[in-house]
C-alpha cells in the first residue's frame, strides 16, 4: 500500500481548522471513496498547517487520487489552502491498516 502525504498552509485561524476538516470530510472523502484503490483518509491540523494523508493500493492510484483532491481544493478551498509539500511513500507497517513487517 502507498500513502499520499500532503501538507498545506492554512490561512484561516486555528478555530476554523475544525470547520475546514469537516468540509474536507464532507466534500473530499466521498470523492476519494469512489476512486479505485482507495483505502483510508485522514486530516490533521496544527500551527496553521493541514496534513492530508490518504492510503491507496498502488502509487499510480495515489497519484490519480492526488489529481482529484487538487481539483476539489482548487474549486472549494483555494483561498484558504496552499500546498507546500506532496510526497508518496510505500507503507511499511501500520497498526490502523493491519499491515505488519512480519507478514
PDB file of N, CA and C in Angstrom:
ATOM      1  N   UNK A   1       0.834  -1.176   0.000  1.00  0.00           N
ATOM      2  CA  UNK A   1       0.000   0.000   0.000  1.00  0.00           C
ATOM      3  C   UNK A   1       0.879   1.239   0.000  1.00  0.00           C
ATOM      4  N   UNK A   2       0.282   2.315  -0.513  1.00  0.00           N
ATOM      5  CA  UNK A   2       1.012   3.571  -0.648  1.00  0.00           C
ATOM      6  C   UNK A   2       0.249   4.717  -0.001  1.00  0.00           C
ATOM      7  N   UNK A   3       1.007   5.650   0.543  1.00  0.00           N
ATOM      8  CA  UNK A   3       0.422   6.831   1.165  1.00  0.00           C
ATOM      9  C   UNK A   3       0.681   8.053   0.300  1.00  0.00           C
ATOM     10  N   UNK A   4      -0.310   8.910   0.239  1.00  0.00           N
ATOM     11  CA  UNK A   4      -0.149  10.255  -0.314  1.00  0.00           C
ATOM     12  C   UNK A   4      -0.149  11.187   0.885  1.00  0.00           C
ATOM     13  N   UNK A   5       0.937  11.918   1.057  1.00  0.00           N
ATOM     14  CA  UNK A   5       1.065  12.816   2.199  1.00  0.00           C
ATOM     15  C   UNK A   5       1.219  14.233   1.671  1.00  0.00           C
ATOM     16  N   UNK A   6       0.273  15.089   2.008  1.00  0.00           N
ATOM     17  CA  UNK A   6       0.314  16.475   1.552  1.00  0.00           C
ATOM     18  C   UNK A   6       0.255  17.402   2.761  1.00  0.00           C
ATOM     19  N   UNK A   7       1.038  18.469   2.707  1.00  0.00           N
ATOM     20  CA  UNK A   7       0.992  19.497   3.747  1.00  0.00           C
ATOM     21  C   UNK A   7       0.583  20.801   3.082  1.00  0.00           C
ATOM     22  N   UNK A   8      -0.390  21.455   3.707  1.00  0.00           N
ATOM     23  CA  UNK A   8      -0.902  22.727   3.217  1.00  0.00           C
ATOM     24  C   UNK A   8      -0.722  23.781   4.300  1.00  0.00           C
ATOM     25  N   UNK A   9      -0.446  25.012   3.888  1.00  0.00           N
ATOM     26  CA  UNK A   9      -0.590  26.149   4.788  1.00  0.00           C
ATOM     27  C   UNK A   9      -2.059  26.514   4.798  1.00  0.00           C
ATOM     28  N   UNK A  10      -2.570  26.829   5.973  1.00  0.00           N
ATOM     29  CA  UNK A  10      -3.977  27.164   6.165  1.00  0.00           C
ATOM     30  C   UNK A  10      -4.064  28.627   6.562  1.00  0.00           C
ATOM     31  N   UNK A  11      -4.768  29.436   5.773  1.00  0.00           N
ATOM     32  CA  UNK A  11      -4.824  30.872   6.034  1.00  0.00           C
ATOM     33  C   UNK A  11      -5.892  31.269   7.048  1.00  0.00           C
ATOM     34  N   UNK A  12      -6.766  30.341   7.422  1.00  0.00           N
ATOM     35  CA  UNK A  12      -7.780  30.648   8.424  1.00  0.00           C
ATOM     36  C   UNK A  12      -7.186  30.602   9.819  1.00  0.00           C
ATOM     37  N   UNK A  13      -7.954  31.042  10.815  1.00  0.00           N
ATOM     38  CA  UNK A  13      -7.436  30.940  12.181  1.00  0.00           C
ATOM     39  C   UNK A  13      -7.617  29.514  12.691  1.00  0.00           C
ATOM     40  N   UNK A  14      -6.928  29.201  13.797  1.00  0.00           N
ATOM     41  CA  UNK A  14      -6.965  27.825  14.310  1.00  0.00           C
ATOM     42  C   UNK A  14      -8.373  27.367  14.648  1.00  0.00           C
ATOM     43  N   UNK A  15      -9.269  28.298  14.976  1.00  0.00           N
ATOM     44  CA  UNK A  15     -10.653  27.932  15.259  1.00  0.00           C
ATOM     45  C   UNK A  15     -11.389  27.416  14.045  1.00  0.00           C
ATOM     46  N   UNK A  16     -10.921  27.808  12.856  1.00  0.00           N
ATOM     47  CA  UNK A  16     -11.547  27.349  11.619  1.00  0.00           C
ATOM     48  C   UNK A  16     -11.055  25.974  11.179  1.00  0.00           C
ATOM     49  N   UNK A  17     -10.026  25.451  11.829  1.00  0.00           N
ATOM     50  CA  UNK A  17      -9.455  24.167  11.429  1.00  0.00           C
ATOM     51  C   UNK A  17     -10.499  23.053  11.498  1.00  0.00           C
ATOM     52  N   UNK A  18     -11.339  23.076  12.512  1.00  0.00           N
ATOM     53  CA  UNK A  18     -12.373  22.037  12.628  1.00  0.00           C
ATOM     54  C   UNK A  18     -13.383  22.163  11.483  1.00  0.00           C
ATOM     55  N   UNK A  19     -13.753  23.394  11.151  1.00  0.00           N
ATOM     56  CA  UNK A  19     -14.669  23.613  10.033  1.00  0.00           C
ATOM     57  C   UNK A  19     -14.059  23.184   8.711  1.00  0.00           C
ATOM     58  N   UNK A  20     -12.783  23.496   8.516  1.00  0.00           N
ATOM     59  CA  UNK A  20     -12.083  23.079   7.306  1.00  0.00           C
ATOM     60  C   UNK A  20     -12.051  21.556   7.218  1.00  0.00           C
ATOM     61  N   UNK A  21     -11.747  20.905   8.328  1.00  0.00           N
ATOM     62  CA  UNK A  21     -11.698  19.443   8.361  1.00  0.00           C
ATOM     63  C   UNK A  21     -13.063  18.843   8.055  1.00  0.00           C
ATOM     64  N   UNK A  22     -14.105  19.452   8.576  1.00  0.00           N
ATOM     65  CA  UNK A  22     -15.463  18.980   8.306  1.00  0.00           C
ATOM     66  C   UNK A  22     -15.801  19.114   6.821  1.00  0.00           C
ATOM     67  N   UNK A  23     -15.398  20.227   6.223  1.00  0.00           N
ATOM     68  CA  UNK A  23     -15.640  20.416   4.792  1.00  0.00           C
ATOM     69  C   UNK A  23     -14.889  19.380   3.967  1.00  0.00           C
ATOM     70  N   UNK A  24     -13.662  19.060   4.370  1.00  0.00           N
ATOM     71  CA  UNK A  24     -12.892  18.023   3.676  1.00  0.00           C
ATOM     72  C   UNK A  24     -13.572  16.667   3.819  1.00  0.00           C
ATOM     73  N   UNK A  25     -14.048  16.372   5.013  1.00  0.00           N
ATOM     74  CA  UNK A  25     -14.725  15.092   5.245  1.00  0.00           C
ATOM     75  C   UNK A  25     -15.986  14.979   4.394  1.00  0.00           C
ATOM     76  N   UNK A  26     -16.745  16.052   4.318  1.00  0.00           N
ATOM     77  CA  UNK A  26     -17.996  16.024   3.556  1.00  0.00           C
ATOM     78  C   UNK A  26     -17.776  16.150   2.048  1.00  0.00           C
ATOM     79  N   UNK A  27     -16.720  16.877   1.641  1.00  0.00           N
ATOM     80  CA  UNK A  27     -16.505  17.119   0.225  1.00  0.00           C
ATOM     81  C   UNK A  27     -15.528  16.171  -0.437  1.00  0.00           C
ATOM     82  N   UNK A  28     -14.357  16.008   0.157  1.00  0.00           N
ATOM     83  CA  UNK A  28     -13.315  15.191  -0.469  1.00  0.00           C
ATOM     84  C   UNK A  28     -13.514  13.702  -0.218  1.00  0.00           C
ATOM     85  N   UNK A  29     -13.852  13.324   1.002  1.00  0.00           N
ATOM     86  CA  UNK A  29     -13.945  11.899   1.345  1.00  0.00           C
ATOM     87  C   UNK A  29     -14.857  11.106   0.412  1.00  0.00           C
ATOM     88  N   UNK A  30     -16.084  11.553   0.125  1.00  0.00           N
ATOM     89  CA  UNK A  30     -16.927  10.753  -0.779  1.00  0.00           C
ATOM     90  C   UNK A  30     -16.315  10.597  -2.179  1.00  0.00           C
ATOM     91  N   UNK A  31     -15.631  11.623  -2.635  1.00  0.00           N
ATOM     92  CA  UNK A  31     -14.983  11.550  -3.949  1.00  0.00           C
ATOM     93  C   UNK A  31     -13.859  10.524  -3.916  1.00  0.00           C
ATOM     94  N   UNK A  32     -13.048  10.555  -2.857  1.00  0.00           N
ATOM     95  CA  UNK A  32     -11.957   9.590  -2.736  1.00  0.00           C
ATOM     96  C   UNK A  32     -12.482   8.166  -2.624  1.00  0.00           C
ATOM     97  N   UNK A  33     -13.556   7.990  -1.873  1.00  0.00           N
ATOM     98  CA  UNK A  33     -14.117   6.651  -1.682  1.00  0.00           C
ATOM     99  C   UNK A  33     -14.567   6.028  -3.001  1.00  0.00           C
ATOM    100  N   UNK A  34     -14.852   6.855  -3.991  1.00  0.00           N
ATOM    101  CA  UNK A  34     -15.278   6.356  -5.306  1.00  0.00           C
ATOM    102  C   UNK A  34     -14.098   6.049  -6.228  1.00  0.00           C
ATOM    103  N   UNK A  35     -12.873   6.361  -5.797  1.00  0.00           N
ATOM    104  CA  UNK A  35     -11.689   6.153  -6.627  1.00  0.00           C
ATOM    105  C   UNK A  35     -11.148   4.737  -6.467  1.00  0.00           C
ATOM    106  N   UNK A  36     -10.659   4.154  -7.571  1.00  0.00           N
ATOM    107  CA  UNK A  36     -10.040   2.821  -7.482  1.00  0.00           C
ATOM    108  C   UNK A  36      -8.830   2.823  -6.544  1.00  0.00           C
ATOM    109  N   UNK A  37      -8.732   1.788  -5.729  1.00  0.00           N
ATOM    110  CA  UNK A  37      -7.578   1.599  -4.865  1.00  0.00           C
ATOM    111  C   UNK A  37      -7.582   2.384  -3.572  1.00  0.00           C
ATOM    112  N   UNK A  38      -8.615   3.191  -3.333  1.00  0.00           N
ATOM    113  CA  UNK A  38      -8.671   3.998  -2.116  1.00  0.00           C
ATOM    114  C   UNK A  38      -8.880   3.111  -0.891  1.00  0.00           C
ATOM    115  N   UNK A  39      -8.146   3.409   0.209  1.00  0.00           N
ATOM    116  CA  UNK A  39      -8.260   2.635   1.442  1.00  0.00           C
ATOM    117  C   UNK A  39      -8.602   3.477   2.669  1.00  0.00           C
ATOM    118  N   UNK A  40      -8.011   4.661   2.804  1.00  0.00           N
ATOM    119  CA  UNK A  40      -8.207   5.440   4.033  1.00  0.00           C
ATOM    120  C   UNK A  40      -7.848   6.901   3.784  1.00  0.00           C
ATOM    121  N   UNK A  41      -8.386   7.777   4.644  1.00  0.00           N
ATOM    122  CA  UNK A  41      -8.130   9.214   4.533  1.00  0.00           C
ATOM    123  C   UNK A  41      -8.142   9.823   5.926  1.00  0.00           C
ATOM    124  N   UNK A  42      -7.145  10.637   6.211  1.00  0.00           N
ATOM    125  CA  UNK A  42      -7.055  11.340   7.491  1.00  0.00           C
ATOM    126  C   UNK A  42      -6.629  12.780   7.248  1.00  0.00           C
ATOM    127  N   UNK A  43      -7.118  13.670   8.104  1.00  0.00           N
ATOM    128  CA  UNK A  43      -6.706  15.073   8.085  1.00  0.00           C
ATOM    129  C   UNK A  43      -6.330  15.453   9.511  1.00  0.00           C
ATOM    130  N   UNK A  44      -5.165  16.097   9.660  1.00  0.00           N
ATOM    131  CA  UNK A  44      -4.712  16.586  10.959  1.00  0.00           C
ATOM    132  C   UNK A  44      -4.306  18.049  10.786  1.00  0.00           C
ATOM    133  N   UNK A  45      -4.520  18.849  11.836  1.00  0.00           N
ATOM    134  CA  UNK A  45      -4.185  20.272  11.771  1.00  0.00           C
ATOM    135  C   UNK A  45      -3.359  20.684  12.981  1.00  0.00           C
ATOM    136  N   UNK A  46      -2.436  21.621  12.759  1.00  0.00           N
ATOM    137  CA  UNK A  46      -1.642  22.180  13.849  1.00  0.00           C
ATOM    138  C   UNK A  46      -0.866  23.384  13.318  1.00  0.00           C
ATOM    139  N   UNK A  47      -0.798  24.419  14.119  1.00  0.00           N
ATOM    140  CA  UNK A  47       0.072  25.560  13.845  1.00  0.00           C
ATOM    141  C   UNK A  47      -0.086  26.118  12.432  1.00  0.00           C
ATOM    142  N   UNK A  48      -1.325  26.256  11.971  1.00  0.00           N
ATOM    143  CA  UNK A  48      -1.566  26.845  10.657  1.00  0.00           C
ATOM    144  C   UNK A  48      -1.271  25.933   9.484  1.00  0.00           C
ATOM    145  N   UNK A  49      -1.089  24.635   9.761  1.00  0.00           N
ATOM    146  CA  UNK A  49      -0.848  23.672   8.692  1.00  0.00           C
ATOM    147  C   UNK A  49      -1.887  22.560   8.729  1.00  0.00           C
ATOM    148  N   UNK A  50      -2.122  21.988   7.573  1.00  0.00           N
ATOM    149  CA  UNK A  50      -3.037  20.854   7.428  1.00  0.00           C
ATOM    150  C   UNK A  50      -2.240  19.709   6.821  1.00  0.00           C
ATOM    151  N   UNK A  51      -2.305  18.546   7.452  1.00  0.00           N
ATOM    152  CA  UNK A  51      -1.697  17.334   6.920  1.00  0.00           C
ATOM    153  C   UNK A  51      -2.820  16.464   6.377  1.00  0.00           C
ATOM    154  N   UNK A  52      -2.744  16.143   5.115  1.00  0.00           N
ATOM    155  CA  UNK A  52      -3.712  15.269   4.453  1.00  0.00           C
ATOM    156  C   UNK A  52      -3.002  13.963   4.135  1.00  0.00           C
ATOM    157  N   UNK A  53      -3.530  12.864   4.631  1.00  0.00           N
ATOM    158  CA  UNK A  53      -2.929  11.551   4.416  1.00  0.00           C
ATOM    159  C   UNK A  53      -3.983  10.612   3.858  1.00  0.00           C
ATOM    160  N   UNK A  54      -3.725  10.086   2.674  1.00  0.00           N
ATOM    161  CA  UNK A  54      -4.622   9.080   2.111  1.00  0.00           C
ATOM    162  C   UNK A  54      -3.818   7.838   1.779  1.00  0.00           C
ATOM    163  N   UNK A  55      -4.486   6.696   1.786  1.00  0.00           N
ATOM    164  CA  UNK A  55      -3.831   5.403   1.579  1.00  0.00           C
ATOM    165  C   UNK A  55      -4.469   4.729   0.373  1.00  0.00           C
ATOM    166  N   UNK A  56      -3.596   4.149  -0.470  1.00  0.00           N
ATOM    167  CA  UNK A  56      -4.006   3.574  -1.757  1.00  0.00           C
ATOM    168  C   UNK A  56      -3.317   2.242  -1.984  1.00  0.00           C
ATOM    169  N   UNK A  57      -3.904   1.417  -2.844  1.00  0.00           N
ATOM    170  CA  UNK A  57      -3.291   0.129  -3.180  1.00  0.00           C
ATOM    171  C   UNK A  57      -1.985   0.300  -3.950  1.00  0.00           C
ATOM    172  N   UNK A  58      -1.943   1.255  -4.884  1.00  0.00           N
ATOM    173  CA  UNK A  58      -0.750   1.465  -5.706  1.00  0.00           C
ATOM    174  C   UNK A  58      -0.381   2.944  -5.731  1.00  0.00           C
ATOM    175  N   UNK A  59       0.856   3.224  -6.103  1.00  0.00           N
ATOM    176  CA  UNK A  59       1.284   4.614  -6.206  1.00  0.00           C
ATOM    177  C   UNK A  59       0.559   5.311  -7.360  1.00  0.00           C
ATOM    178  N   UNK A  60       0.268   4.595  -8.435  1.00  0.00           N
ATOM    179  CA  UNK A  60      -0.474   5.190  -9.553  1.00  0.00           C
ATOM    180  C   UNK A  60      -1.869   5.627  -9.103  1.00  0.00           C
ATOM    181  N   UNK A  61      -2.510   4.811  -8.271  1.00  0.00           N
ATOM    182  CA  UNK A  61      -3.827   5.187  -7.754  1.00  0.00           C
ATOM    183  C   UNK A  61      -3.722   6.373  -6.798  1.00  0.00           C
ATOM    184  N   UNK A  62      -2.643   6.431  -6.018  1.00  0.00           N
ATOM    185  CA  UNK A  62      -2.413   7.575  -5.131  1.00  0.00           C
ATOM    186  C   UNK A  62      -2.220   8.848  -5.945  1.00  0.00           C
ATOM    187  N   UNK A  63      -1.488   8.767  -7.041  1.00  0.00           N
ATOM    188  CA  UNK A  63      -1.274   9.927  -7.904  1.00  0.00           C
ATOM    189  C   UNK A  63      -2.580  10.378  -8.549  1.00  0.00           C
ATOM    190  N   UNK A  64      -3.398   9.424  -8.980  1.00  0.00           N
ATOM    191  CA  UNK A  64      -4.706   9.770  -9.558  1.00  0.00           C
ATOM    192  C   UNK A  64      -5.593  10.418  -8.493  1.00  0.00           C
ATOM    193  N   UNK A  65      -5.542   9.894  -7.282  1.00  0.00           N
ATOM    194  CA  UNK A  65      -6.298  10.486  -6.176  1.00  0.00           C
ATOM    195  C   UNK A  65      -5.831  11.892  -5.879  1.00  0.00           C
ATOM    196  N   UNK A  66      -4.543  12.127  -6.019  1.00  0.00           N
ATOM    197  CA  UNK A  66      -3.985  13.455  -5.789  1.00  0.00           C
ATOM    198  C   UNK A  66      -4.573  14.469  -6.767  1.00  0.00           C
ATOM    199  N   UNK A  67      -4.739  14.059  -8.014  1.00  0.00           N
ATOM    200  CA  UNK A  67      -5.338  14.949  -9.010  1.00  0.00           C
ATOM    201  C   UNK A  67      -6.772  15.304  -8.634  1.00  0.00           C
ATOM    202  N   UNK A  68      -7.507  14.324  -8.119  1.00  0.00           N
ATOM    203  CA  UNK A  68      -8.891  14.556  -7.699  1.00  0.00           C
ATOM    204  C   UNK A  68      -8.930  15.527  -6.520  1.00  0.00           C
ATOM    205  N   UNK A  69      -8.065  15.305  -5.530  1.00  0.00           N
ATOM    206  CA  UNK A  69      -8.011  16.190  -4.363  1.00  0.00           C
ATOM    207  C   UNK A  69      -7.620  17.596  -4.794  1.00  0.00           C
ATOM    208  N   UNK A  70      -6.597  17.703  -5.635  1.00  0.00           N
ATOM    209  CA  UNK A  70      -6.145  19.009  -6.094  1.00  0.00           C
ATOM    210  C   UNK A  70      -7.235  19.794  -6.794  1.00  0.00           C
ATOM    211  N   UNK A  71      -7.993  19.118  -7.614  1.00  0.00           N
ATOM    212  CA  UNK A  71      -9.096  19.764  -8.318  1.00  0.00           C
ATOM    213  C   UNK A  71     -10.167  20.243  -7.342  1.00  0.00           C
ATOM    214  N   UNK A  72     -10.512  19.411  -6.368  1.00  0.00           N
ATOM    215  CA  UNK A  72     -11.539  19.794  -5.386  1.00  0.00           C
ATOM    216  C   UNK A  72     -11.055  20.969  -4.544  1.00  0.00           C
ATOM    217  N   UNK A  73      -9.823  20.923  -4.087  1.00  0.00           N
ATOM    218  CA  UNK A  73      -9.280  22.013  -3.275  1.00  0.00           C
ATOM    219  C   UNK A  73      -9.269  23.306  -4.085  1.00  0.00           C
ATOM    220  N   UNK A  74      -8.844  23.240  -5.346  1.00  0.00           N
ATOM    221  CA  UNK A  74      -8.799  24.435  -6.192  1.00  0.00           C
ATOM    222  C   UNK A  74     -10.188  25.049  -6.361  1.00  0.00           C
ATOM    223  N   UNK A  75     -11.206  24.217  -6.439  1.00  0.00           N
ATOM    224  CA  UNK A  75     -12.576  24.706  -6.624  1.00  0.00           C
ATOM    225  C   UNK A  75     -13.249  25.159  -5.336  1.00  0.00           C
ATOM    226  N   UNK A  76     -12.806  24.615  -4.195  1.00  0.00           N
ATOM    227  CA  UNK A  76     -13.540  24.834  -2.953  1.00  0.00           C
ATOM    228  C   UNK A  76     -12.760  25.503  -1.822  1.00  0.00           C
ATOM    229  N   UNK A  77     -11.436  25.475  -1.874  1.00  0.00           N
ATOM    230  CA  UNK A  77     -10.643  25.997  -0.756  1.00  0.00           C
ATOM    231  C   UNK A  77      -9.403  26.755  -1.206  1.00  0.00           C
ATOM    232  N   UNK A  78      -9.365  27.208  -2.444  1.00  0.00           N
ATOM    233  CA  UNK A  78      -8.158  27.853  -2.983  1.00  0.00           C
ATOM    234  C   UNK A  78      -7.744  29.071  -2.171  1.00  0.00           C
ATOM    235  N   UNK A  79      -8.697  29.786  -1.602  1.00  0.00           N
ATOM    236  CA  UNK A  79      -8.372  30.979  -0.824  1.00  0.00           C
ATOM    237  C   UNK A  79      -7.861  30.654   0.577  1.00  0.00           C
ATOM    238  N   UNK A  80      -8.020  29.403   1.008  1.00  0.00           N
ATOM    239  CA  UNK A  80      -7.666  29.020   2.372  1.00  0.00           C
ATOM    240  C   UNK A  80      -6.445  28.117   2.478  1.00  0.00           C
ATOM    241  N   UNK A  81      -6.179  27.341   1.423  1.00  0.00           N
ATOM    242  CA  UNK A  81      -5.111  26.348   1.479  1.00  0.00           C
ATOM    243  C   UNK A  81      -4.066  26.597   0.402  1.00  0.00           C
ATOM    244  N   UNK A  82      -2.802  26.399   0.783  1.00  0.00           N
ATOM    245  CA  UNK A  82      -1.695  26.452  -0.171  1.00  0.00           C
ATOM    246  C   UNK A  82      -0.865  25.192   0.023  1.00  0.00           C
ATOM    247  N   UNK A  83      -0.766  24.378  -1.011  1.00  0.00           N
ATOM    248  CA  UNK A  83       0.026  23.155  -0.948  1.00  0.00           C
ATOM    249  C   UNK A  83       1.501  23.507  -0.818  1.00  0.00           C
ATOM    250  N   UNK A  84       2.158  22.990   0.214  1.00  0.00           N
ATOM    251  CA  UNK A  84       3.580  23.271   0.408  1.00  0.00           C
ATOM    252  C   UNK A  84       4.454  22.034   0.245  1.00  0.00           C
ATOM    253  N   UNK A  85       3.868  20.850   0.362  1.00  0.00           N
ATOM    254  CA  UNK A  85       4.653  19.620   0.245  1.00  0.00           C
ATOM    255  C   UNK A  85       3.738  18.469  -0.168  1.00  0.00           C
ATOM    256  N   UNK A  86       4.224  17.644  -1.080  1.00  0.00           N
ATOM    257  CA  UNK A  86       3.473  16.472  -1.522  1.00  0.00           C
ATOM    258  C   UNK A  86       4.451  15.332  -1.738  1.00  0.00           C
ATOM    259  N   UNK A  87       4.157  14.198  -1.103  1.00  0.00           N
ATOM    260  CA  UNK A  87       5.030  13.026  -1.217  1.00  0.00           C
ATOM    261  C   UNK A  87       4.185  11.764  -1.288  1.00  0.00           C
ATOM    262  N   UNK A  88       4.778  10.755  -1.895  1.00  0.00           N
ATOM    263  CA  UNK A  88       4.198   9.417  -1.943  1.00  0.00           C
ATOM    264  C   UNK A  88       5.206   8.472  -1.315  1.00  0.00           C
ATOM    265  N   UNK A  89       4.713   7.507  -0.551  1.00  0.00           N
ATOM    266  CA  UNK A  89       5.620   6.565   0.104  1.00  0.00           C
ATOM    267  C   UNK A  89       4.937   5.219   0.291  1.00  0.00           C
ATOM    268  N   UNK A  90       5.724   4.172   0.218  1.00  0.00           N
ATOM    269  CA  UNK A  90       5.205   2.831   0.484  1.00  0.00           C
ATOM    270  C   UNK A  90       5.064   2.651   1.988  1.00  0.00           C
ATOM    271  N   UNK A  91       3.924   2.153   2.415  1.00  0.00           N
ATOM    272  CA  UNK A  91       3.677   1.928   3.838  1.00  0.00           C
ATOM    273  C   UNK A  91       4.342   0.620   4.245  1.00  0.00           C
ATOM    274  N   UNK A  92       5.205   0.692   5.238  1.00  0.00           N
ATOM    275  CA  UNK A  92       5.939  -0.484   5.703  1.00  0.00           C
ATOM    276  C   UNK A  92       5.181  -1.239   6.795  1.00  0.00           C
ATOM    277  N   UNK A  93       4.562  -0.508   7.720  1.00  0.00           N
ATOM    278  CA  UNK A  93       3.667  -1.131   8.691  1.00  0.00           C
ATOM    279  C   UNK A  93       2.694  -0.078   9.189  1.00  0.00           C
ATOM    280  N   UNK A  94       1.542  -0.537   9.630  1.00  0.00           N
ATOM    281  CA  UNK A  94       0.517   0.369  10.145  1.00  0.00           C
ATOM    282  C   UNK A  94      -0.412  -0.412  11.063  1.00  0.00           C
ATOM    283  N   UNK A  95      -0.534   0.042  12.297  1.00  0.00           N
ATOM    284  CA  UNK A  95      -1.472  -0.607  13.209  1.00  0.00           C
ATOM    285  C   UNK A  95      -2.910  -0.318  12.800  1.00  0.00           C
ATOM    286  N   UNK A  96      -3.162   0.851  12.208  1.00  0.00           N
ATOM    287  CA  UNK A  96      -4.533   1.191  11.774  1.00  0.00           C
ATOM    288  C   UNK A  96      -4.965   0.370  10.577  1.00  0.00           C
ATOM    289  N   UNK A  97      -4.032   0.039   9.698  1.00  0.00           N
ATOM    290  CA  UNK A  97      -4.368  -0.671   8.468  1.00  0.00           C
ATOM    291  C   UNK A  97      -4.117  -2.167   8.578  1.00  0.00           C
ATOM    292  N   UNK A  98      -3.542  -2.610   9.680  1.00  0.00           N
ATOM    293  CA  UNK A  98      -3.263  -4.033   9.851  1.00  0.00           C
ATOM    294  C   UNK A  98      -2.125  -4.534   8.977  1.00  0.00           C
ATOM    295  N   UNK A  99      -1.171  -3.662   8.684  1.00  0.00           N
ATOM    296  CA  UNK A  99      -0.003  -4.036   7.885  1.00  0.00           C
ATOM    297  C   UNK A  99       1.171  -4.238   8.836  1.00  0.00           C
ATOM    298  N   UNK A 100       1.849  -5.343   8.682  1.00  0.00           N
ATOM    299  CA  UNK A 100       2.976  -5.668   9.556  1.00  0.00           C
ATOM    300  C   UNK A 100       4.207  -6.027   8.744  1.00  0.00           C
ATOM    301  N   UNK A 101       5.362  -5.780   9.288  1.00  0.00           N
ATOM    302  CA  UNK A 101       6.610  -6.184   8.629  1.00  0.00           C
ATOM    303  C   UNK A 101       6.822  -7.681   8.729  1.00  0.00           C
ATOM    304  N   UNK A 102       6.034  -8.364   9.551  1.00  0.00           N
ATOM    305  CA  UNK A 102       6.198  -9.802   9.744  1.00  0.00           C
ATOM    306  C   UNK A 102       5.293 -10.631   8.842  1.00  0.00           C
ATOM    307  N   UNK A 103       4.477  -9.953   8.013  1.00  0.00           N
ATOM    308  CA  UNK A 103       3.569 -10.697   7.115  1.00  0.00           C
ATOM    309  C   UNK A 103       4.336 -11.331   5.975  1.00  0.00           C
TER     310      UNK A 103
END
